[in-house]
Amino acid sequence: NGKVSAALRRRLNEDFHSAGIEINDDQWDVLIAVSQRDICTQQDLCNATAFSKPTMSRIVSVLEEMKIIERRKART
């Protein structure tokens, strides 16, 4: 099961790269989680993806720098 998952992730990264899409599989996981919610916190994304808070913060920062997502402060 782990070998299949690793092979699929490698293939996804290769397909993104060959299509000129400069995101990796972890970033893709976050984008999928974001697309399934109207509004979400980084904690929501951590729960949905099982990434740690520091890892999520790094991924979100990179996606924001790439202008793929927009981060906003919560009202509460």
PDB file of N, CA and C in Angstrom:
ATOM      1  N   ASN A   1       0.827  -1.196   0.000  1.00  0.00           N
ATOM      2  CA  ASN A   1       0.000   0.000   0.000  1.00  0.00           C
ATOM      3  C   ASN A   1       0.865   1.251   0.000  1.00  0.00           C
ATOM      4  N   GLY A   2       1.919   1.261   0.813  1.00  0.00           N
ATOM      5  CA  GLY A   2       2.820   2.406   0.871  1.00  0.00           C
ATOM      6  C   GLY A   2       3.581   2.603  -0.432  1.00  0.00           C
ATOM      7  N   LYS A   3       3.960   1.500  -1.086  1.00  0.00           N
ATOM      8  CA  LYS A   3       4.681   1.597  -2.353  1.00  0.00           C
ATOM      9  C   LYS A   3       3.782   2.160  -3.446  1.00  0.00           C
ATOM     10  N   VAL A   4       2.518   1.767  -3.439  1.00  0.00           N
ATOM     11  CA  VAL A   4       1.580   2.272  -4.434  1.00  0.00           C
ATOM     12  C   VAL A   4       1.362   3.767  -4.221  1.00  0.00           C
ATOM     13  N   SER A   5       1.176   4.166  -2.985  1.00  0.00           N
ATOM     14  CA  SER A   5       0.978   5.573  -2.667  1.00  0.00           C
ATOM     15  C   SER A   5       2.190   6.401  -3.090  1.00  0.00           C
ATOM     16  N   ALA A   6       3.386   5.920  -2.798  1.00  0.00           N
ATOM     17  CA  ALA A   6       4.611   6.636  -3.176  1.00  0.00           C
ATOM     18  C   ALA A   6       4.732   6.728  -4.697  1.00  0.00           C
ATOM     19  N   ALA A   7       4.382   5.659  -5.385  1.00  0.00           N
ATOM     20  CA  ALA A   7       4.452   5.663  -6.847  1.00  0.00           C
ATOM     21  C   ALA A   7       3.452   6.652  -7.438  1.00  0.00           C
ATOM     22  N   LEU A   8       2.253   6.699  -6.880  1.00  0.00           N
ATOM     23  CA  LEU A   8       1.246   7.652  -7.361  1.00  0.00           C
ATOM     24  C   LEU A   8       1.694   9.088  -7.126  1.00  0.00           C
ATOM     25  N   ARG A   9       2.296   9.361  -5.977  1.00  0.00           N
ATOM     26  CA  ARG A   9       2.782  10.711  -5.678  1.00  0.00           C
ATOM     27  C   ARG A   9       3.917  11.105  -6.621  1.00  0.00           C
ATOM     28  N   ARG A  10       4.822  10.173  -6.902  1.00  0.00           N
ATOM     29  CA  ARG A  10       5.908  10.448  -7.845  1.00  0.00           C
ATOM     30  C   ARG A  10       5.343  10.774  -9.227  1.00  0.00           C
ATOM     31  N   ARG A  11       4.367   9.993  -9.641  1.00  0.00           N
ATOM     32  CA  ARG A  11       3.747  10.207 -10.955  1.00  0.00           C
ATOM     33  C   ARG A  11       3.025  11.545 -11.005  1.00  0.00           C
ATOM     34  N   LEU A  12       2.330  11.895  -9.928  1.00  0.00           N
ATOM     35  CA  LEU A  12       1.639  13.179  -9.859  1.00  0.00           C
ATOM     36  C   LEU A  12       2.638  14.323  -9.987  1.00  0.00           C
ATOM     37  N   ASN A  13       3.750  14.238  -9.253  1.00  0.00           N
ATOM     38  CA  ASN A  13       4.787  15.275  -9.339  1.00  0.00           C
ATOM     39  C   ASN A  13       5.347  15.373 -10.760  1.00  0.00           C
ATOM     40  N   GLU A  14       5.597  14.227 -11.398  1.00  0.00           N
ATOM     41  CA  GLU A  14       6.109  14.217 -12.770  1.00  0.00           C
ATOM     42  C   GLU A  14       5.110  14.840 -13.740  1.00  0.00           C
ATOM     43  N   ASP A  15       3.828  14.496 -13.573  1.00  0.00           N
ATOM     44  CA  ASP A  15       2.793  15.040 -14.449  1.00  0.00           C
ATOM     45  C   ASP A  15       2.660  16.550 -14.279  1.00  0.00           C
ATOM     46  N   PHE A  16       2.693  17.021 -13.036  1.00  0.00           N
ATOM     47  CA  PHE A  16       2.643  18.466 -12.786  1.00  0.00           C
ATOM     48  C   PHE A  16       3.824  19.154 -13.462  1.00  0.00           C
ATOM     49  N   HIS A  17       5.015  18.612 -13.251  1.00  0.00           N
ATOM     50  CA  HIS A  17       6.217  19.223 -13.804  1.00  0.00           C
ATOM     51  C   HIS A  17       6.172  19.260 -15.331  1.00  0.00           C
ATOM     52  N   SER A  18       5.783  18.157 -15.952  1.00  0.00           N
ATOM     53  CA  SER A  18       5.741  18.112 -17.417  1.00  0.00           C
ATOM     54  C   SER A  18       4.662  19.033 -17.988  1.00  0.00           C
ATOM     55  N   ALA A  19       3.628  19.327 -17.194  1.00  0.00           N
ATOM     56  CA  ALA A  19       2.573  20.241 -17.635  1.00  0.00           C
ATOM     57  C   ALA A  19       2.903  21.698 -17.318  1.00  0.00           C
ATOM     58  N   GLY A  20       4.072  21.924 -16.701  1.00  0.00           N
ATOM     59  CA  GLY A  20       4.472  23.288 -16.360  1.00  0.00           C
ATOM     60  C   GLY A  20       3.810  23.812 -15.101  1.00  0.00           C
ATOM     61  N   ILE A  21       3.260  22.922 -14.305  1.00  0.00           N
ATOM     62  CA  ILE A  21       2.620  23.309 -13.043  1.00  0.00           C
ATOM     63  C   ILE A  21       3.624  23.059 -11.936  1.00  0.00           C
ATOM     64  N   GLU A  22       4.075  24.129 -11.316  1.00  0.00           N
ATOM     65  CA  GLU A  22       5.155  24.010 -10.333  1.00  0.00           C
ATOM     66  C   GLU A  22       4.629  23.866  -8.901  1.00  0.00           C
ATOM     67  N   ILE A  23       3.801  22.846  -8.686  1.00  0.00           N
ATOM     68  CA  ILE A  23       3.381  22.514  -7.323  1.00  0.00           C
ATOM     69  C   ILE A  23       3.732  21.058  -7.065  1.00  0.00           C
ATOM     70  N   ASN A  24       3.880  20.729  -5.793  1.00  0.00           N
ATOM     71  CA  ASN A  24       4.198  19.342  -5.453  1.00  0.00           C
ATOM     72  C   ASN A  24       2.969  18.643  -4.885  1.00  0.00           C
ATOM     73  N   ASP A  25       3.116  17.387  -4.581  1.00  0.00           N
ATOM     74  CA  ASP A  25       1.972  16.596  -4.127  1.00  0.00           C
ATOM     75  C   ASP A  25       1.431  17.077  -2.788  1.00  0.00           C
ATOM     76  N   ASP A  26       2.279  17.546  -1.879  1.00  0.00           N
ATOM     77  CA  ASP A  26       1.792  18.061  -0.595  1.00  0.00           C
ATOM     78  C   ASP A  26       0.953  19.322  -0.805  1.00  0.00           C
ATOM     79  N   GLN A  27       1.425  20.202  -1.685  1.00  0.00           N
ATOM     80  CA  GLN A  27       0.662  21.412  -1.991  1.00  0.00           C
ATOM     81  C   GLN A  27      -0.674  21.046  -2.634  1.00  0.00           C
ATOM     82  N   TRP A  28      -0.656  20.032  -3.490  1.00  0.00           N
ATOM     83  CA  TRP A  28      -1.888  19.576  -4.131  1.00  0.00           C
ATOM     84  C   TRP A  28      -2.884  19.075  -3.078  1.00  0.00           C
ATOM     85  N   ASP A  29      -2.395  18.321  -2.081  1.00  0.00           N
ATOM     86  CA  ASP A  29      -3.265  17.838  -1.004  1.00  0.00           C
ATOM     87  C   ASP A  29      -3.944  19.003  -0.289  1.00  0.00           C
ATOM     88  N   VAL A  30      -3.189  20.065  -0.041  1.00  0.00           N
ATOM     89  CA  VAL A  30      -3.748  21.242   0.627  1.00  0.00           C
ATOM     90  C   VAL A  30      -4.779  21.917  -0.270  1.00  0.00           C
ATOM     91  N   LEU A  31      -4.483  22.048  -1.550  1.00  0.00           N
ATOM     92  CA  LEU A  31      -5.439  22.668  -2.469  1.00  0.00           C
ATOM     93  C   LEU A  31      -6.739  21.880  -2.558  1.00  0.00           C
ATOM     94  N   ILE A  32      -6.647  20.574  -2.531  1.00  0.00           N
ATOM     95  CA  ILE A  32      -7.861  19.742  -2.523  1.00  0.00           C
ATOM     96  C   ILE A  32      -8.664  20.027  -1.263  1.00  0.00           C
ATOM     97  N   ALA A  33      -7.990  20.074  -0.112  1.00  0.00           N
ATOM     98  CA  ALA A  33      -8.683  20.342   1.158  1.00  0.00           C
ATOM     99  C   ALA A  33      -9.326  21.724   1.145  1.00  0.00           C
ATOM    100  N   VAL A  34      -8.638  22.721   0.603  1.00  0.00           N
ATOM    101  CA  VAL A  34      -9.189  24.083   0.522  1.00  0.00           C
ATOM    102  C   VAL A  34     -10.416  24.097  -0.383  1.00  0.00           C
ATOM    103  N   SER A  35     -10.359  23.389  -1.490  1.00  0.00           N
ATOM    104  CA  SER A  35     -11.457  23.407  -2.458  1.00  0.00           C
ATOM    105  C   SER A  35     -12.737  22.777  -1.902  1.00  0.00           C
ATOM    106  N   GLN A  36     -12.620  21.991  -0.843  1.00  0.00           N
ATOM    107  CA  GLN A  36     -13.785  21.320  -0.277  1.00  0.00           C
ATOM    108  C   GLN A  36     -14.463  22.139   0.817  1.00  0.00           C
ATOM    109  N   ARG A  37     -13.983  23.367   1.029  1.00  0.00           N
ATOM    110  CA  ARG A  37     -14.532  24.210   2.086  1.00  0.00           C
ATOM    111  C   ARG A  37     -14.736  25.628   1.564  1.00  0.00           C
ATOM    112  N   ASP A  38     -15.742  26.309   2.086  1.00  0.00           N
ATOM    113  CA  ASP A  38     -15.916  27.717   1.744  1.00  0.00           C
ATOM    114  C   ASP A  38     -14.860  28.558   2.454  1.00  0.00           C
ATOM    115  N   ILE A  39     -14.715  28.326   3.742  1.00  0.00           N
ATOM    116  CA  ILE A  39     -13.747  29.031   4.576  1.00  0.00           C
ATOM    117  C   ILE A  39     -13.099  27.988   5.471  1.00  0.00           C
ATOM    118  N   CYS A  40     -11.795  28.091   5.655  1.00  0.00           N
ATOM    119  CA  CYS A  40     -11.132  27.137   6.531  1.00  0.00           C
ATOM    120  C   CYS A  40      -9.940  27.789   7.210  1.00  0.00           C
ATOM    121  N   THR A  41      -9.627  27.263   8.352  1.00  0.00           N
ATOM    122  CA  THR A  41      -8.449  27.710   9.080  1.00  0.00           C
ATOM    123  C   THR A  41      -7.292  26.775   8.757  1.00  0.00           C
ATOM    124  N   GLN A  42      -6.094  27.186   9.153  1.00  0.00           N
ATOM    125  CA  GLN A  42      -4.957  26.290   8.962  1.00  0.00           C
ATOM    126  C   GLN A  42      -5.143  25.032   9.792  1.00  0.00           C
ATOM    127  N   GLN A  43      -5.797  25.155  10.951  1.00  0.00           N
ATOM    128  CA  GLN A  43      -6.054  23.967  11.766  1.00  0.00           C
ATOM    129  C   GLN A  43      -7.001  23.016  11.037  1.00  0.00           C
ATOM    130  N   ASP A  44      -8.018  23.554  10.358  1.00  0.00           N
ATOM    131  CA  ASP A  44      -8.910  22.717   9.546  1.00  0.00           C
ATOM    132  C   ASP A  44      -8.110  21.947   8.492  1.00  0.00           C
ATOM    133  N   LEU A  45      -7.166  22.654   7.868  1.00  0.00           N
ATOM    134  CA  LEU A  45      -6.346  22.016   6.841  1.00  0.00           C
ATOM    135  C   LEU A  45      -5.424  20.966   7.436  1.00  0.00           C
ATOM    136  N   CYS A  46      -4.894  21.236   8.623  1.00  0.00           N
ATOM    137  CA  CYS A  46      -4.062  20.233   9.310  1.00  0.00           C
ATOM    138  C   CYS A  46      -4.876  18.973   9.577  1.00  0.00           C
ATOM    139  N   ASN A  47      -6.095  19.163  10.050  1.00  0.00           N
ATOM    140  CA  ASN A  47      -6.962  18.024  10.349  1.00  0.00           C
ATOM    141  C   ASN A  47      -7.312  17.239   9.075  1.00  0.00           C
ATOM    142  N   ALA A  48      -7.520  17.943   7.985  1.00  0.00           N
ATOM    143  CA  ALA A  48      -7.913  17.302   6.743  1.00  0.00           C
ATOM    144  C   ALA A  48      -6.752  16.562   6.073  1.00  0.00           C
ATOM    145  N   THR A  49      -5.534  17.015   6.303  1.00  0.00           N
ATOM    146  CA  THR A  49      -4.381  16.456   5.599  1.00  0.00           C
ATOM    147  C   THR A  49      -3.416  15.690   6.489  1.00  0.00           C
ATOM    148  N   ALA A  50      -3.515  15.853   7.791  1.00  0.00           N
ATOM    149  CA  ALA A  50      -2.610  15.236   8.766  1.00  0.00           C
ATOM    150  C   ALA A  50      -1.218  15.860   8.751  1.00  0.00           C
ATOM    151  N   PHE A  51      -1.064  17.050   8.137  1.00  0.00           N
ATOM    152  CA  PHE A  51       0.203  17.765   8.220  1.00  0.00           C
ATOM    153  C   PHE A  51       0.283  18.469   9.563  1.00  0.00           C
ATOM    154  N   SER A  52       1.492  18.638  10.071  1.00  0.00           N
ATOM    155  CA  SER A  52       1.694  19.375  11.320  1.00  0.00           C
ATOM    156  C   SER A  52       1.450  20.867  11.068  1.00  0.00           C
ATOM    157  N   LYS A  53       1.274  21.626  12.157  1.00  0.00           N
ATOM    158  CA  LYS A  53       1.061  23.074  12.014  1.00  0.00           C
ATOM    159  C   LYS A  53       2.235  23.766  11.320  1.00  0.00           C
ATOM    160  N   PRO A  54       3.487  23.468  11.698  1.00  0.00           N
ATOM    161  CA  PRO A  54       4.601  24.124  10.996  1.00  0.00           C
ATOM    162  C   PRO A  54       4.664  23.767   9.507  1.00  0.00           C
ATOM    163  N   THR A  55       4.396  22.507   9.177  1.00  0.00           N
ATOM    164  CA  THR A  55       4.394  22.089   7.776  1.00  0.00           C
ATOM    165  C   THR A  55       3.282  22.798   7.020  1.00  0.00           C
ATOM    166  N   MET A  56       2.095  22.870   7.618  1.00  0.00           N
ATOM    167  CA  MET A  56       0.969  23.537   6.970  1.00  0.00           C
ATOM    168  C   MET A  56       1.278  25.009   6.754  1.00  0.00           C
ATOM    169  N   SER A  57       1.858  25.651   7.740  1.00  0.00           N
ATOM    170  CA  SER A  57       2.202  27.065   7.621  1.00  0.00           C
ATOM    171  C   SER A  57       3.161  27.283   6.452  1.00  0.00           C
ATOM    172  N   ARG A  58       4.144  26.407   6.306  1.00  0.00           N
ATOM    173  CA  ARG A  58       5.107  26.504   5.214  1.00  0.00           C
ATOM    174  C   ARG A  58       4.418  26.311   3.866  1.00  0.00           C
ATOM    175  N   ILE A  59       3.572  25.301   3.769  1.00  0.00           N
ATOM    176  CA  ILE A  59       2.878  25.024   2.504  1.00  0.00           C
ATOM    177  C   ILE A  59       1.969  26.185   2.124  1.00  0.00           C
ATOM    178  N   VAL A  60       1.202  26.681   3.087  1.00  0.00           N
ATOM    179  CA  VAL A  60       0.290  27.794   2.818  1.00  0.00           C
ATOM    180  C   VAL A  60       1.078  29.040   2.406  1.00  0.00           C
ATOM    181  N   SER A  61       2.203  29.291   3.050  1.00  0.00           N
ATOM    182  CA  SER A  61       3.029  30.448   2.684  1.00  0.00           C
ATOM    183  C   SER A  61       3.524  30.350   1.250  1.00  0.00           C
ATOM    184  N   VAL A  62       3.968  29.166   0.860  1.00  0.00           N
ATOM    185  CA  VAL A  62       4.455  28.975  -0.516  1.00  0.00           C
ATOM    186  C   VAL A  62       3.316  29.166  -1.515  1.00  0.00           C
ATOM    187  N   LEU A  63       2.156  28.585  -1.231  1.00  0.00           N
ATOM    188  CA  LEU A  63       1.010  28.733  -2.138  1.00  0.00           C
ATOM    189  C   LEU A  63       0.560  30.189  -2.221  1.00  0.00           C
ATOM    190  N   GLU A  64       0.672  30.904  -1.115  1.00  0.00           N
ATOM    191  CA  GLU A  64       0.318  32.322  -1.108  1.00  0.00           C
ATOM    192  C   GLU A  64       1.328  33.124  -1.938  1.00  0.00           C
ATOM    193  N   GLU A  65       2.614  32.828  -1.806  1.00  0.00           N
ATOM    194  CA  GLU A  65       3.643  33.497  -2.603  1.00  0.00           C
ATOM    195  C   GLU A  65       3.453  33.241  -4.090  1.00  0.00           C
ATOM    196  N   MET A  66       2.957  32.056  -4.418  1.00  0.00           N
ATOM    197  CA  MET A  66       2.695  31.694  -5.806  1.00  0.00           C
ATOM    198  C   MET A  66       1.384  32.310  -6.320  1.00  0.00           C
ATOM    199  N   LYS A  67       0.672  32.997  -5.420  1.00  0.00           N
ATOM    200  CA  LYS A  67      -0.618  33.631  -5.724  1.00  0.00           C
ATOM    201  C   LYS A  67      -1.685  32.626  -6.128  1.00  0.00           C
ATOM    202  N   ILE A  68      -1.608  31.435  -5.531  1.00  0.00           N
ATOM    203  CA  ILE A  68      -2.605  30.394  -5.780  1.00  0.00           C
ATOM    204  C   ILE A  68      -3.726  30.491  -4.756  1.00  0.00           C
ATOM    205  N   ILE A  69      -3.372  30.859  -3.528  1.00  0.00           N
ATOM    206  CA  ILE A  69      -4.372  31.052  -2.485  1.00  0.00           C
ATOM    207  C   ILE A  69      -4.147  32.409  -1.834  1.00  0.00           C
ATOM    208  N   GLU A  70      -5.139  32.841  -1.082  1.00  0.00           N
ATOM    209  CA  GLU A  70      -5.049  34.088  -0.331  1.00  0.00           C
ATOM    210  C   GLU A  70      -5.353  33.794   1.127  1.00  0.00           C
ATOM    211  N   ARG A  71      -4.456  34.206   1.985  1.00  0.00           N
ATOM    212  CA  ARG A  71      -4.647  34.004   3.415  1.00  0.00           C
ATOM    213  C   ARG A  71      -5.243  35.279   4.009  1.00  0.00           C
ATOM    214  N   ARG A  72      -6.236  35.092   4.869  1.00  0.00           N
ATOM    215  CA  ARG A  72      -6.871  36.231   5.550  1.00  0.00           C
ATOM    216  C   ARG A  72      -6.933  35.947   7.030  1.00  0.00           C
ATOM    217  N   LYS A  73      -6.842  36.995   7.817  1.00  0.00           N
ATOM    218  CA  LYS A  73      -6.966  36.831   9.272  1.00  0.00           C
ATOM    219  C   LYS A  73      -8.406  36.511   9.622  1.00  0.00           C
ATOM    220  N   ALA A  74      -8.568  35.649  10.608  1.00  0.00           N
ATOM    221  CA  ALA A  74      -9.906  35.298  11.076  1.00  0.00           C
ATOM    222  C   ALA A  74     -10.507  36.481  11.834  1.00  0.00           C
ATOM    223  N   ARG A  75     -11.797  36.604  11.748  1.00  0.00           N
ATOM    224  CA  ARG A  75     -12.477  37.708  12.451  1.00  0.00           C
ATOM    225  C   ARG A  75     -12.547  37.462  13.945  1.00  0.00           C
ATOM    226  N   THR A  76     -12.498  36.195  14.351  1.00  0.00           N
ATOM    227  CA  THR A  76     -12.583  35.888  15.775  1.00  0.00           C
ATOM    228  C   THR A  76     -11.265  35.375  16.284  1.00  0.00           C
TER     229      THR A  76
END
